[in-house]
Amino acid sequence: MKDLDPVFRALSGVLRKHVARMSIKTDAPGHLYVELPPAGPKRKPAFFGAVQTKKSYVSYHLMPVYEDPSLLDGTSDALRKRMQGKSCFNFSEEDPVLFAELDRLTSKCAAVVR
């Protein structure tokens, strides 16, 4: 079975760079979950993103692209091929070029939700 820990570490590092003014709800081996602060006094925190190790790949979830698909404008075909659904990207090995593009996309998403 393939060791996915390096992929998880790299992708969780990408997400962690953008958590200023957000909360890390879960920080465990194979699972990082980040929330936005509540939008009002009686509101609950909103899901921003997560990195999860699955059986044969690591998933990188980015909720703002689900809510606003225009955030994906300009995304490379190579990164789009990694998409599963509307807001999840799957990787089974490290890819510095795509991780750098995902970093830029995450930065864009974090700027929109602040």
PDB file of N, CA and C in Angstrom:
ATOM      1  N   MET A   1       0.842  -1.177   0.000  1.00  0.00           N
ATOM      2  CA  MET A   1       0.000   0.000   0.000  1.00  0.00           C
ATOM      3  C   MET A   1       0.896   1.253   0.000  1.00  0.00           C
ATOM      4  N   LYS A   2       0.488   2.233  -0.732  1.00  0.00           N
ATOM      5  CA  LYS A   2       1.261   3.454  -0.899  1.00  0.00           C
ATOM      6  C   LYS A   2       1.207   4.323   0.366  1.00  0.00           C
ATOM      7  N   ASP A   3       2.340   4.913   0.719  1.00  0.00           N
ATOM      8  CA  ASP A   3       2.417   5.813   1.867  1.00  0.00           C
ATOM      9  C   ASP A   3       1.907   7.188   1.449  1.00  0.00           C
ATOM     10  N   LEU A   4       0.766   7.579   1.985  1.00  0.00           N
ATOM     11  CA  LEU A   4       0.152   8.858   1.634  1.00  0.00           C
ATOM     12  C   LEU A   4       0.501   9.981   2.609  1.00  0.00           C
ATOM     13  N   ASP A   5       1.289   9.674   3.652  1.00  0.00           N
ATOM     14  CA  ASP A   5       1.641  10.700   4.644  1.00  0.00           C
ATOM     15  C   ASP A   5       2.336  11.913   4.026  1.00  0.00           C
ATOM     16  N   PRO A   6       3.280  11.746   3.099  1.00  0.00           N
ATOM     17  CA  PRO A   6       3.912  12.932   2.503  1.00  0.00           C
ATOM     18  C   PRO A   6       2.917  13.800   1.723  1.00  0.00           C
ATOM     19  N   VAL A   7       1.969  13.161   1.081  1.00  0.00           N
ATOM     20  CA  VAL A   7       0.946  13.911   0.339  1.00  0.00           C
ATOM     21  C   VAL A   7       0.071  14.684   1.325  1.00  0.00           C
ATOM     22  N   PHE A   8      -0.338  14.012   2.406  1.00  0.00           N
ATOM     23  CA  PHE A   8      -1.144  14.691   3.424  1.00  0.00           C
ATOM     24  C   PHE A   8      -0.381  15.862   4.030  1.00  0.00           C
ATOM     25  N   ARG A   9       0.872  15.665   4.383  1.00  0.00           N
ATOM     26  CA  ARG A   9       1.664  16.745   4.982  1.00  0.00           C
ATOM     27  C   ARG A   9       1.771  17.941   4.036  1.00  0.00           C
ATOM     28  N   ALA A  10       2.027  17.668   2.764  1.00  0.00           N
ATOM     29  CA  ALA A  10       2.167  18.763   1.798  1.00  0.00           C
ATOM     30  C   ALA A  10       0.849  19.515   1.620  1.00  0.00           C
ATOM     31  N   LEU A  11      -0.250  18.778   1.464  1.00  0.00           N
ATOM     32  CA  LEU A  11      -1.540  19.445   1.259  1.00  0.00           C
ATOM     33  C   LEU A  11      -2.033  20.145   2.520  1.00  0.00           C
ATOM     34  N   SER A  12      -1.813  19.556   3.678  1.00  0.00           N
ATOM     35  CA  SER A  12      -2.229  20.243   4.908  1.00  0.00           C
ATOM     36  C   SER A  12      -1.386  21.497   5.122  1.00  0.00           C
ATOM     37  N   GLY A  13      -0.133  21.478   4.668  1.00  0.00           N
ATOM     38  CA  GLY A  13       0.704  22.677   4.723  1.00  0.00           C
ATOM     39  C   GLY A  13       0.148  23.793   3.850  1.00  0.00           C
ATOM     40  N   VAL A  14      -0.385  23.433   2.694  1.00  0.00           N
ATOM     41  CA  VAL A  14      -1.014  24.420   1.813  1.00  0.00           C
ATOM     42  C   VAL A  14      -2.207  25.048   2.526  1.00  0.00           C
ATOM     43  N   LEU A  15      -3.080  24.232   3.076  1.00  0.00           N
ATOM     44  CA  LEU A  15      -4.277  24.759   3.743  1.00  0.00           C
ATOM     45  C   LEU A  15      -3.917  25.587   4.974  1.00  0.00           C
ATOM     46  N   ARG A  16      -2.962  25.124   5.757  1.00  0.00           N
ATOM     47  CA  ARG A  16      -2.576  25.845   6.983  1.00  0.00           C
ATOM     48  C   ARG A  16      -2.062  27.264   6.701  1.00  0.00           C
ATOM     49  N   LYS A  17      -1.478  27.471   5.534  1.00  0.00           N
ATOM     50  CA  LYS A  17      -0.963  28.806   5.195  1.00  0.00           C
ATOM     51  C   LYS A  17      -2.070  29.858   5.144  1.00  0.00           C
ATOM     52  N   HIS A  18      -3.308  29.441   5.012  1.00  0.00           N
ATOM     53  CA  HIS A  18      -4.404  30.371   4.758  1.00  0.00           C
ATOM     54  C   HIS A  18      -5.458  30.397   5.861  1.00  0.00           C
ATOM     55  N   VAL A  19      -5.114  29.939   7.052  1.00  0.00           N
ATOM     56  CA  VAL A  19      -6.115  29.835   8.119  1.00  0.00           C
ATOM     57  C   VAL A  19      -6.186  31.049   9.040  1.00  0.00           C
ATOM     58  N   ALA A  20      -5.493  32.120   8.713  1.00  0.00           N
ATOM     59  CA  ALA A  20      -5.588  33.322   9.548  1.00  0.00           C
ATOM     60  C   ALA A  20      -7.058  33.734   9.677  1.00  0.00           C
ATOM     61  N   ARG A  21      -7.473  34.030  10.867  1.00  0.00           N
ATOM     62  CA  ARG A  21      -8.853  34.406  11.207  1.00  0.00           C
ATOM     63  C   ARG A  21      -9.853  33.278  10.982  1.00  0.00           C
ATOM     64  N   MET A  22      -9.355  32.065  10.846  1.00  0.00           N
ATOM     65  CA  MET A  22     -10.202  30.872  10.770  1.00  0.00           C
ATOM     66  C   MET A  22      -9.851  29.985  11.951  1.00  0.00           C
ATOM     67  N   SER A  23     -10.608  28.920  12.125  1.00  0.00           N
ATOM     68  CA  SER A  23     -10.353  27.983  13.225  1.00  0.00           C
ATOM     69  C   SER A  23     -10.070  26.598  12.675  1.00  0.00           C
ATOM     70  N   ILE A  24      -9.130  25.936  13.298  1.00  0.00           N
ATOM     71  CA  ILE A  24      -8.887  24.538  12.967  1.00  0.00           C
ATOM     72  C   ILE A  24      -9.734  23.709  13.920  1.00  0.00           C
ATOM     73  N   LYS A  25     -10.744  23.056  13.375  1.00  0.00           N
ATOM     74  CA  LYS A  25     -11.655  22.256  14.192  1.00  0.00           C
ATOM     75  C   LYS A  25     -11.063  20.880  14.489  1.00  0.00           C
ATOM     76  N   THR A  26     -10.434  20.282  13.486  1.00  0.00           N
ATOM     77  CA  THR A  26      -9.825  18.969  13.652  1.00  0.00           C
ATOM     78  C   THR A  26      -8.399  19.016  13.116  1.00  0.00           C
ATOM     79  N   ASP A  27      -7.469  18.573  13.919  1.00  0.00           N
ATOM     80  CA  ASP A  27      -6.064  18.496  13.519  1.00  0.00           C
ATOM     81  C   ASP A  27      -5.529  17.166  14.033  1.00  0.00           C
ATOM     82  N   ALA A  28      -5.720  16.139  13.224  1.00  0.00           N
ATOM     83  CA  ALA A  28      -5.333  14.787  13.616  1.00  0.00           C
ATOM     84  C   ALA A  28      -4.582  14.148  12.446  1.00  0.00           C
ATOM     85  N   PRO A  29      -3.849  13.079  12.715  1.00  0.00           N
ATOM     86  CA  PRO A  29      -3.184  12.401  11.602  1.00  0.00           C
ATOM     87  C   PRO A  29      -4.205  12.015  10.527  1.00  0.00           C
ATOM     88  N   GLY A  30      -3.952  12.469   9.316  1.00  0.00           N
ATOM     89  CA  GLY A  30      -4.835  12.141   8.209  1.00  0.00           C
ATOM     90  C   GLY A  30      -6.097  12.959   8.107  1.00  0.00           C
ATOM     91  N   HIS A  31      -6.267  13.970   8.971  1.00  0.00           N
ATOM     92  CA  HIS A  31      -7.490  14.770   8.925  1.00  0.00           C
ATOM     93  C   HIS A  31      -7.253  16.186   9.476  1.00  0.00           C
ATOM     94  N   LEU A  32      -7.420  17.159   8.598  1.00  0.00           N
ATOM     95  CA  LEU A  32      -7.354  18.575   8.973  1.00  0.00           C
ATOM     96  C   LEU A  32      -8.639  19.224   8.494  1.00  0.00           C
ATOM     97  N   TYR A  33      -9.356  19.905   9.397  1.00  0.00           N
ATOM     98  CA  TYR A  33     -10.655  20.508   9.086  1.00  0.00           C
ATOM     99  C   TYR A  33     -10.635  21.958   9.548  1.00  0.00           C
ATOM    100  N   VAL A  34     -10.921  22.888   8.636  1.00  0.00           N
ATOM    101  CA  VAL A  34     -10.832  24.323   8.922  1.00  0.00           C
ATOM    102  C   VAL A  34     -12.204  24.971   8.745  1.00  0.00           C
ATOM    103  N   GLU A  35     -12.566  25.821   9.710  1.00  0.00           N
ATOM    104  CA  GLU A  35     -13.851  26.521   9.689  1.00  0.00           C
ATOM    105  C   GLU A  35     -13.659  28.032   9.651  1.00  0.00           C
ATOM    106  N   LEU A  36     -14.662  28.689   9.089  1.00  0.00           N
ATOM    107  CA  LEU A  36     -14.742  30.147   9.143  1.00  0.00           C
ATOM    108  C   LEU A  36     -15.464  30.528  10.428  1.00  0.00           C
ATOM    109  N   PRO A  37     -15.183  31.702  10.973  1.00  0.00           N
ATOM    110  CA  PRO A  37     -15.912  32.116  12.169  1.00  0.00           C
ATOM    111  C   PRO A  37     -17.389  32.306  11.852  1.00  0.00           C
ATOM    112  N   PRO A  38     -18.255  32.211  12.853  1.00  0.00           N
ATOM    113  CA  PRO A  38     -19.687  32.418  12.621  1.00  0.00           C
ATOM    114  C   PRO A  38     -19.946  33.803  12.013  1.00  0.00           C
ATOM    115  N   ALA A  39     -20.911  33.871  11.104  1.00  0.00           N
ATOM    116  CA  ALA A  39     -21.237  35.130  10.428  1.00  0.00           C
ATOM    117  C   ALA A  39     -22.081  36.057  11.303  1.00  0.00           C
ATOM    118  N   GLY A  40     -22.567  35.573  12.406  1.00  0.00           N
ATOM    119  CA  GLY A  40     -23.374  36.385  13.314  1.00  0.00           C
ATOM    120  C   GLY A  40     -23.458  35.718  14.664  1.00  0.00           C
ATOM    121  N   PRO A  41     -24.058  36.407  15.631  1.00  0.00           N
ATOM    122  CA  PRO A  41     -24.086  35.887  16.997  1.00  0.00           C
ATOM    123  C   PRO A  41     -24.819  34.553  17.161  1.00  0.00           C
ATOM    124  N   LYS A  42     -25.810  34.280  16.366  1.00  0.00           N
ATOM    125  CA  LYS A  42     -26.556  33.033  16.508  1.00  0.00           C
ATOM    126  C   LYS A  42     -26.266  32.060  15.375  1.00  0.00           C
ATOM    127  N   ARG A  43     -25.176  32.288  14.660  1.00  0.00           N
ATOM    128  CA  ARG A  43     -24.798  31.442  13.522  1.00  0.00           C
ATOM    129  C   ARG A  43     -23.722  30.450  13.942  1.00  0.00           C
ATOM    130  N   LYS A  44     -23.603  29.401  13.187  1.00  0.00           N
ATOM    131  CA  LYS A  44     -22.570  28.389  13.430  1.00  0.00           C
ATOM    132  C   LYS A  44     -21.381  28.656  12.515  1.00  0.00           C
ATOM    133  N   PRO A  45     -20.205  28.147  12.885  1.00  0.00           N
ATOM    134  CA  PRO A  45     -19.048  28.274  11.990  1.00  0.00           C
ATOM    135  C   PRO A  45     -19.346  27.592  10.656  1.00  0.00           C
ATOM    136  N   ALA A  46     -18.762  28.115   9.589  1.00  0.00           N
ATOM    137  CA  ALA A  46     -18.962  27.551   8.251  1.00  0.00           C
ATOM    138  C   ALA A  46     -17.714  26.772   7.827  1.00  0.00           C
ATOM    139  N   PHE A  47     -17.914  25.729   7.060  1.00  0.00           N
ATOM    140  CA  PHE A  47     -16.829  24.907   6.557  1.00  0.00           C
ATOM    141  C   PHE A  47     -16.056  25.681   5.494  1.00  0.00           C
ATOM    142  N   PHE A  48     -14.729  25.738   5.635  1.00  0.00           N
ATOM    143  CA  PHE A  48     -13.875  26.363   4.622  1.00  0.00           C
ATOM    144  C   PHE A  48     -13.148  25.303   3.801  1.00  0.00           C
ATOM    145  N   GLY A  49     -12.452  24.402   4.484  1.00  0.00           N
ATOM    146  CA  GLY A  49     -11.692  23.401   3.752  1.00  0.00           C
ATOM    147  C   GLY A  49     -11.206  22.285   4.652  1.00  0.00           C
ATOM    148  N   ALA A  50     -10.716  21.236   4.008  1.00  0.00           N
ATOM    149  CA  ALA A  50     -10.218  20.088   4.759  1.00  0.00           C
ATOM    150  C   ALA A  50      -9.236  19.301   3.898  1.00  0.00           C
ATOM    151  N   VAL A  51      -8.405  18.551   4.581  1.00  0.00           N
ATOM    152  CA  VAL A  51      -7.512  17.591   3.935  1.00  0.00           C
ATOM    153  C   VAL A  51      -7.739  16.274   4.656  1.00  0.00           C
ATOM    154  N   GLN A  52      -8.036  15.224   3.885  1.00  0.00           N
ATOM    155  CA  GLN A  52      -8.334  13.929   4.483  1.00  0.00           C
ATOM    156  C   GLN A  52      -7.628  12.813   3.719  1.00  0.00           C
ATOM    157  N   THR A  53      -7.004  11.933   4.473  1.00  0.00           N
ATOM    158  CA  THR A  53      -6.404  10.751   3.873  1.00  0.00           C
ATOM    159  C   THR A  53      -7.474   9.678   3.752  1.00  0.00           C
ATOM    160  N   LYS A  54      -7.647   9.198   2.545  1.00  0.00           N
ATOM    161  CA  LYS A  54      -8.575   8.100   2.272  1.00  0.00           C
ATOM    162  C   LYS A  54      -7.756   6.835   2.036  1.00  0.00           C
ATOM    163  N   LYS A  55      -8.374   5.795   1.540  1.00  0.00           N
ATOM    164  CA  LYS A  55      -7.687   4.512   1.357  1.00  0.00           C
ATOM    165  C   LYS A  55      -6.553   4.600   0.333  1.00  0.00           C
ATOM    166  N   SER A  56      -6.798   5.262  -0.800  1.00  0.00           N
ATOM    167  CA  SER A  56      -5.779   5.263  -1.854  1.00  0.00           C
ATOM    168  C   SER A  56      -5.438   6.651  -2.371  1.00  0.00           C
ATOM    169  N   TYR A  57      -5.913   7.695  -1.690  1.00  0.00           N
ATOM    170  CA  TYR A  57      -5.616   9.062  -2.108  1.00  0.00           C
ATOM    171  C   TYR A  57      -5.842  10.016  -0.943  1.00  0.00           C
ATOM    172  N   VAL A  58      -5.425  11.269  -1.141  1.00  0.00           N
ATOM    173  CA  VAL A  58      -5.667  12.327  -0.163  1.00  0.00           C
ATOM    174  C   VAL A  58      -6.588  13.345  -0.818  1.00  0.00           C
ATOM    175  N   SER A  59      -7.652  13.706  -0.126  1.00  0.00           N
ATOM    176  CA  SER A  59      -8.632  14.669  -0.634  1.00  0.00           C
ATOM    177  C   SER A  59      -8.358  16.049  -0.055  1.00  0.00           C
ATOM    178  N   TYR A  60      -8.468  17.044  -0.923  1.00  0.00           N
ATOM    179  CA  TYR A  60      -8.330  18.450  -0.524  1.00  0.00           C
ATOM    180  C   TYR A  60      -9.663  19.114  -0.853  1.00  0.00           C
ATOM    181  N   HIS A  61     -10.418  19.455   0.177  1.00  0.00           N
ATOM    182  CA  HIS A  61     -11.737  20.063   0.011  1.00  0.00           C
ATOM    183  C   HIS A  61     -11.620  21.575   0.161  1.00  0.00           C
ATOM    184  N   LEU A  62     -12.296  22.297  -0.705  1.00  0.00           N
ATOM    185  CA  LEU A  62     -12.247  23.754  -0.687  1.00  0.00           C
ATOM    186  C   LEU A  62     -13.652  24.280  -0.972  1.00  0.00           C
ATOM    187  N   MET A  63     -14.422  24.534   0.091  1.00  0.00           N
ATOM    188  CA  MET A  63     -15.835  24.870  -0.037  1.00  0.00           C
ATOM    189  C   MET A  63     -16.127  26.147  -0.825  1.00  0.00           C
ATOM    190  N   PRO A  64     -15.314  27.186  -0.750  1.00  0.00           N
ATOM    191  CA  PRO A  64     -15.657  28.393  -1.517  1.00  0.00           C
ATOM    192  C   PRO A  64     -15.816  28.148  -3.018  1.00  0.00           C
ATOM    193  N   VAL A  65     -15.120  27.171  -3.601  1.00  0.00           N
ATOM    194  CA  VAL A  65     -15.290  26.915  -5.032  1.00  0.00           C
ATOM    195  C   VAL A  65     -16.623  26.240  -5.320  1.00  0.00           C
ATOM    196  N   TYR A  66     -17.198  25.584  -4.329  1.00  0.00           N
ATOM    197  CA  TYR A  66     -18.540  25.017  -4.471  1.00  0.00           C
ATOM    198  C   TYR A  66     -19.569  26.140  -4.488  1.00  0.00           C
ATOM    199  N   GLU A  67     -19.381  27.094  -3.576  1.00  0.00           N
ATOM    200  CA  GLU A  67     -20.321  28.207  -3.448  1.00  0.00           C
ATOM    201  C   GLU A  67     -20.180  29.223  -4.572  1.00  0.00           C
ATOM    202  N   ASP A  68     -18.977  29.354  -5.123  1.00  0.00           N
ATOM    203  CA  ASP A  68     -18.723  30.305  -6.208  1.00  0.00           C
ATOM    204  C   ASP A  68     -17.787  29.664  -7.232  1.00  0.00           C
ATOM    205  N   PRO A  69     -18.349  28.921  -8.184  1.00  0.00           N
ATOM    206  CA  PRO A  69     -17.517  28.224  -9.172  1.00  0.00           C
ATOM    207  C   PRO A  69     -16.635  29.149 -10.014  1.00  0.00           C
ATOM    208  N   SER A  70     -16.951  30.442 -10.063  1.00  0.00           N
ATOM    209  CA  SER A  70     -16.106  31.362 -10.837  1.00  0.00           C
ATOM    210  C   SER A  70     -14.702  31.470 -10.243  1.00  0.00           C
ATOM    211  N   LEU A  71     -14.521  31.061  -8.989  1.00  0.00           N
ATOM    212  CA  LEU A  71     -13.191  31.052  -8.390  1.00  0.00           C
ATOM    213  C   LEU A  71     -12.251  30.096  -9.131  1.00  0.00           C
ATOM    214  N   LEU A  72     -12.821  29.152  -9.861  1.00  0.00           N
ATOM    215  CA  LEU A  72     -12.029  28.189 -10.624  1.00  0.00           C
ATOM    216  C   LEU A  72     -11.606  28.724 -11.989  1.00  0.00           C
ATOM    217  N   ASP A  73     -12.079  29.906 -12.363  1.00  0.00           N
ATOM    218  CA  ASP A  73     -11.690  30.488 -13.650  1.00  0.00           C
ATOM    219  C   ASP A  73     -10.168  30.584 -13.724  1.00  0.00           C
ATOM    220  N   GLY A  74      -9.597  30.114 -14.810  1.00  0.00           N
ATOM    221  CA  GLY A  74      -8.156  30.149 -14.989  1.00  0.00           C
ATOM    222  C   GLY A  74      -7.435  28.943 -14.420  1.00  0.00           C
ATOM    223  N   THR A  75      -8.172  28.020 -13.817  1.00  0.00           N
ATOM    224  CA  THR A  75      -7.558  26.812 -13.266  1.00  0.00           C
ATOM    225  C   THR A  75      -7.099  25.910 -14.409  1.00  0.00           C
ATOM    226  N   SER A  76      -5.933  25.343 -14.275  1.00  0.00           N
ATOM    227  CA  SER A  76      -5.374  24.490 -15.330  1.00  0.00           C
ATOM    228  C   SER A  76      -6.203  23.215 -15.508  1.00  0.00           C
ATOM    229  N   ASP A  77      -6.114  22.665 -16.708  1.00  0.00           N
ATOM    230  CA  ASP A  77      -6.781  21.393 -16.987  1.00  0.00           C
ATOM    231  C   ASP A  77      -6.220  20.290 -16.091  1.00  0.00           C
ATOM    232  N   ALA A  78      -4.928  20.360 -15.816  1.00  0.00           N
ATOM    233  CA  ALA A  78      -4.293  19.334 -14.979  1.00  0.00           C
ATOM    234  C   ALA A  78      -4.897  19.322 -13.572  1.00  0.00           C
ATOM    235  N   LEU A  79      -5.147  20.492 -12.996  1.00  0.00           N
ATOM    236  CA  LEU A  79      -5.756  20.542 -11.666  1.00  0.00           C
ATOM    237  C   LEU A  79      -7.230  20.152 -11.742  1.00  0.00           C
ATOM    238  N   ARG A  80      -7.917  20.588 -12.772  1.00  0.00           N
ATOM    239  CA  ARG A  80      -9.329  20.215 -12.933  1.00  0.00           C
ATOM    240  C   ARG A  80      -9.500  18.703 -13.067  1.00  0.00           C
ATOM    241  N   LYS A  81      -8.535  18.032 -13.642  1.00  0.00           N
ATOM    242  CA  LYS A  81      -8.602  16.572 -13.763  1.00  0.00           C
ATOM    243  C   LYS A  81      -8.542  15.896 -12.402  1.00  0.00           C
ATOM    244  N   ARG A  82      -8.029  16.595 -11.422  1.00  0.00           N
ATOM    245  CA  ARG A  82      -7.942  16.053 -10.054  1.00  0.00           C
ATOM    246  C   ARG A  82      -9.241  16.259  -9.275  1.00  0.00           C
ATOM    247  N   MET A  83     -10.184  16.979  -9.866  1.00  0.00           N
ATOM    248  CA  MET A  83     -11.431  17.282  -9.160  1.00  0.00           C
ATOM    249  C   MET A  83     -12.369  16.078  -9.139  1.00  0.00           C
ATOM    250  N   GLN A  84     -12.986  15.929  -7.982  1.00  0.00           N
ATOM    251  CA  GLN A  84     -14.075  14.971  -7.817  1.00  0.00           C
ATOM    252  C   GLN A  84     -15.225  15.784  -7.255  1.00  0.00           C
ATOM    253  N   GLY A  85     -16.303  15.864  -7.948  1.00  0.00           N
ATOM    254  CA  GLY A  85     -17.399  16.719  -7.520  1.00  0.00           C
ATOM    255  C   GLY A  85     -17.059  18.167  -7.812  1.00  0.00           C
ATOM    256  N   LYS A  86     -17.630  19.064  -7.014  1.00  0.00           N
ATOM    257  CA  LYS A  86     -17.480  20.493  -7.282  1.00  0.00           C
ATOM    258  C   LYS A  86     -16.436  21.187  -6.430  1.00  0.00           C
ATOM    259  N   SER A  87     -15.962  20.528  -5.371  1.00  0.00           N
ATOM    260  CA  SER A  87     -15.045  21.239  -4.472  1.00  0.00           C
ATOM    261  C   SER A  87     -13.953  20.360  -3.881  1.00  0.00           C
ATOM    262  N   CYS A  88     -13.677  19.231  -4.482  1.00  0.00           N
ATOM    263  CA  CYS A  88     -12.706  18.291  -3.934  1.00  0.00           C
ATOM    264  C   CYS A  88     -11.665  17.938  -4.982  1.00  0.00           C
ATOM    265  N   PHE A  89     -10.409  17.921  -4.563  1.00  0.00           N
ATOM    266  CA  PHE A  89      -9.288  17.553  -5.424  1.00  0.00           C
ATOM    267  C   PHE A  89      -8.600  16.349  -4.791  1.00  0.00           C
ATOM    268  N   ASN A  90      -8.330  15.314  -5.577  1.00  0.00           N
ATOM    269  CA  ASN A  90      -7.718  14.089  -5.053  1.00  0.00           C
ATOM    270  C   ASN A  90      -6.313  13.891  -5.605  1.00  0.00           C
ATOM    271  N   PHE A  91      -5.406  13.467  -4.709  1.00  0.00           N
ATOM    272  CA  PHE A  91      -4.009  13.228  -5.084  1.00  0.00           C
ATOM    273  C   PHE A  91      -3.531  11.935  -4.450  1.00  0.00           C
ATOM    274  N   SER A  92      -2.798  11.150  -5.220  1.00  0.00           N
ATOM    275  CA  SER A  92      -2.209   9.929  -4.673  1.00  0.00           C
ATOM    276  C   SER A  92      -0.690  10.052  -4.570  1.00  0.00           C
ATOM    277  N   GLU A  93      -0.152  11.155  -5.089  1.00  0.00           N
ATOM    278  CA  GLU A  93       1.287  11.414  -4.959  1.00  0.00           C
ATOM    279  C   GLU A  93       1.519  12.923  -4.955  1.00  0.00           C
ATOM    280  N   GLU A  94       2.690  13.312  -4.501  1.00  0.00           N
ATOM    281  CA  GLU A  94       3.019  14.733  -4.448  1.00  0.00           C
ATOM    282  C   GLU A  94       3.188  15.284  -5.866  1.00  0.00           C
ATOM    283  N   ASP A  95       2.720  16.496  -6.057  1.00  0.00           N
ATOM    284  CA  ASP A  95       2.849  17.180  -7.343  1.00  0.00           C
ATOM    285  C   ASP A  95       3.087  18.656  -7.050  1.00  0.00           C
ATOM    286  N   PRO A  96       4.353  19.065  -6.928  1.00  0.00           N
ATOM    287  CA  PRO A  96       4.665  20.448  -6.533  1.00  0.00           C
ATOM    288  C   PRO A  96       4.028  21.512  -7.424  1.00  0.00           C
ATOM    289  N   VAL A  97       3.911  21.256  -8.708  1.00  0.00           N
ATOM    290  CA  VAL A  97       3.314  22.246  -9.616  1.00  0.00           C
ATOM    291  C   VAL A  97       1.827  22.407  -9.315  1.00  0.00           C
ATOM    292  N   LEU A  98       1.113  21.308  -9.188  1.00  0.00           N
ATOM    293  CA  LEU A  98      -0.321  21.396  -8.887  1.00  0.00           C
ATOM    294  C   LEU A  98      -0.567  21.875  -7.463  1.00  0.00           C
ATOM    295  N   PHE A  99       0.309  21.508  -6.525  1.00  0.00           N
ATOM    296  CA  PHE A  99       0.156  21.994  -5.157  1.00  0.00           C
ATOM    297  C   PHE A  99       0.359  23.506  -5.097  1.00  0.00           C
ATOM    298  N   ALA A 100       1.267  24.038  -5.907  1.00  0.00           N
ATOM    299  CA  ALA A 100       1.466  25.494  -5.959  1.00  0.00           C
ATOM    300  C   ALA A 100       0.228  26.170  -6.543  1.00  0.00           C
ATOM    301  N   GLU A 101      -0.374  25.566  -7.553  1.00  0.00           N
ATOM    302  CA  GLU A 101      -1.605  26.129  -8.120  1.00  0.00           C
ATOM    303  C   GLU A 101      -2.747  26.047  -7.110  1.00  0.00           C
ATOM    304  N   LEU A 102      -2.833  24.964  -6.375  1.00  0.00           N
ATOM    305  CA  LEU A 102      -3.844  24.811  -5.338  1.00  0.00           C
ATOM    306  C   LEU A 102      -3.627  25.830  -4.223  1.00  0.00           C
ATOM    307  N   ASP A 103      -2.381  26.139  -3.928  1.00  0.00           N
ATOM    308  CA  ASP A 103      -2.049  27.174  -2.950  1.00  0.00           C
ATOM    309  C   ASP A 103      -2.595  28.531  -3.403  1.00  0.00           C
ATOM    310  N   ARG A 104      -2.397  28.857  -4.679  1.00  0.00           N
ATOM    311  CA  ARG A 104      -2.914  30.125  -5.204  1.00  0.00           C
ATOM    312  C   ARG A 104      -4.442  30.157  -5.173  1.00  0.00           C
ATOM    313  N   LEU A 105      -5.071  29.039  -5.512  1.00  0.00           N
ATOM    314  CA  LEU A 105      -6.532  28.960  -5.479  1.00  0.00           C
ATOM    315  C   LEU A 105      -7.047  29.098  -4.046  1.00  0.00           C
ATOM    316  N   THR A 106      -6.383  28.469  -3.098  1.00  0.00           N
ATOM    317  CA  THR A 106      -6.785  28.570  -1.703  1.00  0.00           C
ATOM    318  C   THR A 106      -6.630  30.003  -1.206  1.00  0.00           C
ATOM    319  N   SER A 107      -5.577  30.673  -1.604  1.00  0.00           N
ATOM    320  CA  SER A 107      -5.368  32.084  -1.249  1.00  0.00           C
ATOM    321  C   SER A 107      -6.508  32.940  -1.785  1.00  0.00           C
ATOM    322  N   LYS A 108      -6.876  32.697  -3.020  1.00  0.00           N
ATOM    323  CA  LYS A 108      -7.981  33.415  -3.651  1.00  0.00           C
ATOM    324  C   LYS A 108      -9.286  33.189  -2.873  1.00  0.00           C
ATOM    325  N   CYS A 109      -9.529  31.947  -2.491  1.00  0.00           N
ATOM    326  CA  CYS A 109     -10.735  31.615  -1.727  1.00  0.00           C
ATOM    327  C   CYS A 109     -10.722  32.275  -0.354  1.00  0.00           C
ATOM    328  N   ALA A 110      -9.582  32.242   0.309  1.00  0.00           N
ATOM    329  CA  ALA A 110      -9.483  32.845   1.646  1.00  0.00           C
ATOM    330  C   ALA A 110      -9.720  34.353   1.578  1.00  0.00           C
ATOM    331  N   ALA A 111      -9.254  35.007   0.509  1.00  0.00           N
ATOM    332  CA  ALA A 111      -9.452  36.441   0.363  1.00  0.00           C
ATOM    333  C   ALA A 111     -10.929  36.778   0.167  1.00  0.00           C
ATOM    334  N   VAL A 112     -11.653  35.916  -0.508  1.00  0.00           N
ATOM    335  CA  VAL A 112     -13.073  36.163  -0.794  1.00  0.00           C
ATOM    336  C   VAL A 112     -13.928  36.034   0.458  1.00  0.00           C
ATOM    337  N   VAL A 113     -13.598  35.101   1.334  1.00  0.00           N
ATOM    338  CA  VAL A 113     -14.446  34.843   2.495  1.00  0.00           C
ATOM    339  C   VAL A 113     -14.141  35.739   3.693  1.00  0.00           C
ATOM    340  N   ARG A 114     -13.105  36.524   3.628  1.00  0.00           N
ATOM    341  CA  ARG A 114     -12.743  37.377   4.780  1.00  0.00           C
ATOM    342  C   ARG A 114     -13.520  38.646   4.789  1.00  0.00           C
TER     343      ARG A 114
END
